[in-house]
Amino acid sequence: MSSADEWLSVYQDDPSNELVCFTAAKALCDEKRLGEALPLLENVVKMQQDFALAYGMLGRVYLNLGRRDDARVAAEKGLELSLAQKHEVPEMEARAVLDELDSEF
């Protein structure tokens, strides 16, 4: 059983826990299982609307799945939140997604 599968099992036991949901989504991303990670990340930001890092990761997943408009919206929200919260790592991820979107034109 992979790490992502283990986290998915924990998440299924506690689907209202946004940190478990996020960790399962991150594990899926690490295993390049983006299609499976996407609904979990979307759920995380519904459960905790100020989770800057989740928005940055959601933006990255959208970008990698070719959903550019969704990627921009998520990354911009992640950037806004990370600046307000003074969180450097989510800010860097959000900026990286936005830079990648902007550099493709």
C-alpha atoms as a PDB file:
ATOM      1  CA  MET A   1       0.000   0.000   0.000  1.00  0.00           C
ATOM      2  CA  SER A   2       1.411   3.383  -0.962  1.00  0.00           C
ATOM      3  CA  SER A   3       1.652   6.381   1.345  1.00  0.00           C
ATOM      4  CA  ALA A   4      -1.184   8.044  -0.573  1.00  0.00           C
ATOM      5  CA  ASP A   5      -3.380   4.983  -0.170  1.00  0.00           C
ATOM      6  CA  GLU A   6      -2.667   4.940   3.550  1.00  0.00           C
ATOM      7  CA  TRP A   7      -3.641   8.614   3.854  1.00  0.00           C
ATOM      8  CA  LEU A   8      -6.754   8.023   1.765  1.00  0.00           C
ATOM      9  CA  SER A   9      -7.766   5.342   4.230  1.00  0.00           C
ATOM     10  CA  VAL A  10      -7.274   7.737   7.143  1.00  0.00           C
ATOM     11  CA  TYR A  11      -9.225  10.414   5.257  1.00  0.00           C
ATOM     12  CA  GLN A  12     -12.121   8.036   4.611  1.00  0.00           C
ATOM     13  CA  ASP A  13     -12.303   7.451   8.367  1.00  0.00           C
ATOM     14  CA  ASP A  14     -12.331  11.208   9.080  1.00  0.00           C
ATOM     15  CA  PRO A  15     -13.547  13.120   5.985  1.00  0.00           C
ATOM     16  CA  SER A  16     -14.248  16.319   7.921  1.00  0.00           C
ATOM     17  CA  ASN A  17     -10.606  16.765   8.954  1.00  0.00           C
ATOM     18  CA  GLU A  18      -9.093  19.262   6.519  1.00  0.00           C
ATOM     19  CA  LEU A  19      -5.511  18.491   7.569  1.00  0.00           C
ATOM     20  CA  VAL A  20      -5.942  14.782   6.882  1.00  0.00           C
ATOM     21  CA  CYS A  21      -7.620  15.636   3.580  1.00  0.00           C
ATOM     22  CA  PHE A  22      -4.743  17.962   2.643  1.00  0.00           C
ATOM     23  CA  THR A  23      -2.120  15.397   3.608  1.00  0.00           C
ATOM     24  CA  ALA A  24      -3.845  12.733   1.515  1.00  0.00           C
ATOM     25  CA  ALA A  25      -4.003  15.159  -1.423  1.00  0.00           C
ATOM     26  CA  LYS A  26      -0.304  16.013  -1.053  1.00  0.00           C
ATOM     27  CA  ALA A  27       0.613  12.329  -0.948  1.00  0.00           C
ATOM     28  CA  LEU A  28      -1.407  11.783  -4.134  1.00  0.00           C
ATOM     29  CA  CYS A  29       0.364  14.720  -5.786  1.00  0.00           C
ATOM     30  CA  ASP A  30       3.734  13.295  -4.748  1.00  0.00           C
ATOM     31  CA  GLU A  31       2.734  10.082  -6.513  1.00  0.00           C
ATOM     32  CA  LYS A  32       1.584  12.048  -9.599  1.00  0.00           C
ATOM     33  CA  ARG A  33      -2.033  10.972  -9.040  1.00  0.00           C
ATOM     34  CA  LEU A  34      -3.344  14.443  -9.784  1.00  0.00           C
ATOM     35  CA  GLY A  35      -6.815  13.424 -10.894  1.00  0.00           C
ATOM     36  CA  GLU A  36      -7.361  11.804  -7.508  1.00  0.00           C
ATOM     37  CA  ALA A  37      -5.792  14.718  -5.616  1.00  0.00           C
ATOM     38  CA  LEU A  38      -7.956  17.343  -7.284  1.00  0.00           C
ATOM     39  CA  PRO A  39     -11.294  16.647  -5.540  1.00  0.00           C
ATOM     40  CA  LEU A  40      -9.533  16.391  -2.190  1.00  0.00           C
ATOM     41  CA  LEU A  41      -7.868  19.778  -2.637  1.00  0.00           C
ATOM     42  CA  GLU A  42     -11.139  21.301  -3.771  1.00  0.00           C
ATOM     43  CA  ASN A  43     -12.712  19.878  -0.620  1.00  0.00           C
ATOM     44  CA  VAL A  44      -9.926  21.249   1.594  1.00  0.00           C
ATOM     45  CA  VAL A  45     -10.457  24.828   0.398  1.00  0.00           C
ATOM     46  CA  LYS A  46     -14.200  24.449   0.901  1.00  0.00           C
ATOM     47  CA  MET A  47     -13.644  23.261   4.469  1.00  0.00           C
ATOM     48  CA  GLN A  48     -10.968  25.833   5.318  1.00  0.00           C
ATOM     49  CA  GLN A  49     -11.253  28.842   3.047  1.00  0.00           C
ATOM     50  CA  ASP A  50      -8.098  30.511   4.381  1.00  0.00           C
ATOM     51  CA  PHE A  51      -5.732  27.559   3.758  1.00  0.00           C
ATOM     52  CA  ALA A  52      -3.154  29.382   1.606  1.00  0.00           C
ATOM     53  CA  LEU A  53      -0.949  26.364   0.948  1.00  0.00           C
ATOM     54  CA  ALA A  54      -3.923  24.309  -0.231  1.00  0.00           C
ATOM     55  CA  TYR A  55      -4.830  27.023  -2.738  1.00  0.00           C
ATOM     56  CA  GLY A  56      -1.262  27.059  -4.082  1.00  0.00           C
ATOM     57  CA  MET A  57      -1.236  23.298  -4.451  1.00  0.00           C
ATOM     58  CA  LEU A  58      -4.684  23.401  -6.035  1.00  0.00           C
ATOM     59  CA  GLY A  59      -3.373  25.949  -8.532  1.00  0.00           C
ATOM     60  CA  ARG A  60      -0.445  23.650  -9.384  1.00  0.00           C
ATOM     61  CA  VAL A  61      -2.750  20.662  -9.895  1.00  0.00           C
ATOM     62  CA  TYR A  62      -5.110  22.670 -12.096  1.00  0.00           C
ATOM     63  CA  LEU A  63      -2.139  23.897 -14.125  1.00  0.00           C
ATOM     64  CA  ASN A  64      -0.762  20.392 -14.591  1.00  0.00           C
ATOM     65  CA  LEU A  65      -4.202  19.189 -15.653  1.00  0.00           C
ATOM     66  CA  GLY A  66      -4.455  21.966 -18.262  1.00  0.00           C
ATOM     67  CA  ARG A  67      -7.103  23.974 -16.417  1.00  0.00           C
ATOM     68  CA  ARG A  68      -5.330  27.315 -16.785  1.00  0.00           C
ATOM     69  CA  ASP A  69      -8.197  29.614 -15.760  1.00  0.00           C
ATOM     70  CA  ASP A  70      -8.862  27.592 -12.622  1.00  0.00           C
ATOM     71  CA  ALA A  71      -5.116  27.527 -11.899  1.00  0.00           C
ATOM     72  CA  ARG A  72      -4.935  31.318 -12.044  1.00  0.00           C
ATOM     73  CA  VAL A  73      -7.942  31.793  -9.748  1.00  0.00           C
ATOM     74  CA  ALA A  74      -6.584  29.335  -7.167  1.00  0.00           C
ATOM     75  CA  ALA A  75      -3.038  30.726  -7.300  1.00  0.00           C
ATOM     76  CA  GLU A  76      -4.251  34.312  -6.976  1.00  0.00           C
ATOM     77  CA  LYS A  77      -6.348  33.351  -3.946  1.00  0.00           C
ATOM     78  CA  GLY A  78      -3.365  31.504  -2.475  1.00  0.00           C
ATOM     79  CA  LEU A  79      -1.137  34.526  -3.023  1.00  0.00           C
ATOM     80  CA  GLU A  80      -3.667  36.881  -1.450  1.00  0.00           C
ATOM     81  CA  LEU A  81      -4.016  34.659   1.608  1.00  0.00           C
ATOM     82  CA  SER A  82      -0.307  33.978   1.998  1.00  0.00           C
ATOM     83  CA  LEU A  83       0.537  37.690   1.871  1.00  0.00           C
ATOM     84  CA  ALA A  84      -2.151  38.486   4.438  1.00  0.00           C
ATOM     85  CA  GLN A  85      -0.932  35.650   6.664  1.00  0.00           C
ATOM     86  CA  LYS A  86       2.777  36.361   6.023  1.00  0.00           C
ATOM     87  CA  HIS A  87       3.398  32.733   4.990  1.00  0.00           C
ATOM     88  CA  GLU A  88       6.414  32.477   2.731  1.00  0.00           C
ATOM     89  CA  VAL A  89       6.083  28.905   1.402  1.00  0.00           C
ATOM     90  CA  PRO A  90       2.510  29.251   0.119  1.00  0.00           C
ATOM     91  CA  GLU A  91       3.454  32.632  -1.344  1.00  0.00           C
ATOM     92  CA  MET A  92       6.339  31.079  -3.280  1.00  0.00           C
ATOM     93  CA  GLU A  93       4.107  28.278  -4.618  1.00  0.00           C
ATOM     94  CA  ALA A  94       1.365  30.681  -5.690  1.00  0.00           C
ATOM     95  CA  ARG A  95       3.891  32.983  -7.388  1.00  0.00           C
ATOM     96  CA  ALA A  96       5.493  30.015  -9.148  1.00  0.00           C
ATOM     97  CA  VAL A  97       2.150  28.949 -10.612  1.00  0.00           C
ATOM     98  CA  LEU A  98       1.343  32.501 -11.694  1.00  0.00           C
ATOM     99  CA  ASP A  99       4.829  32.961 -13.196  1.00  0.00           C
ATOM    100  CA  GLU A 100       4.433  29.735 -15.126  1.00  0.00           C
ATOM    101  CA  LEU A 101       1.038  30.828 -16.421  1.00  0.00           C
ATOM    102  CA  ASP A 102       2.392  34.235 -17.441  1.00  0.00           C
ATOM    103  CA  SER A 103       5.540  32.880 -19.092  1.00  0.00           C
ATOM    104  CA  GLU A 104       3.619  30.655 -21.495  1.00  0.00           C
ATOM    105  CA  PHE A 105       2.474  33.618 -23.552  1.00  0.00           C
END
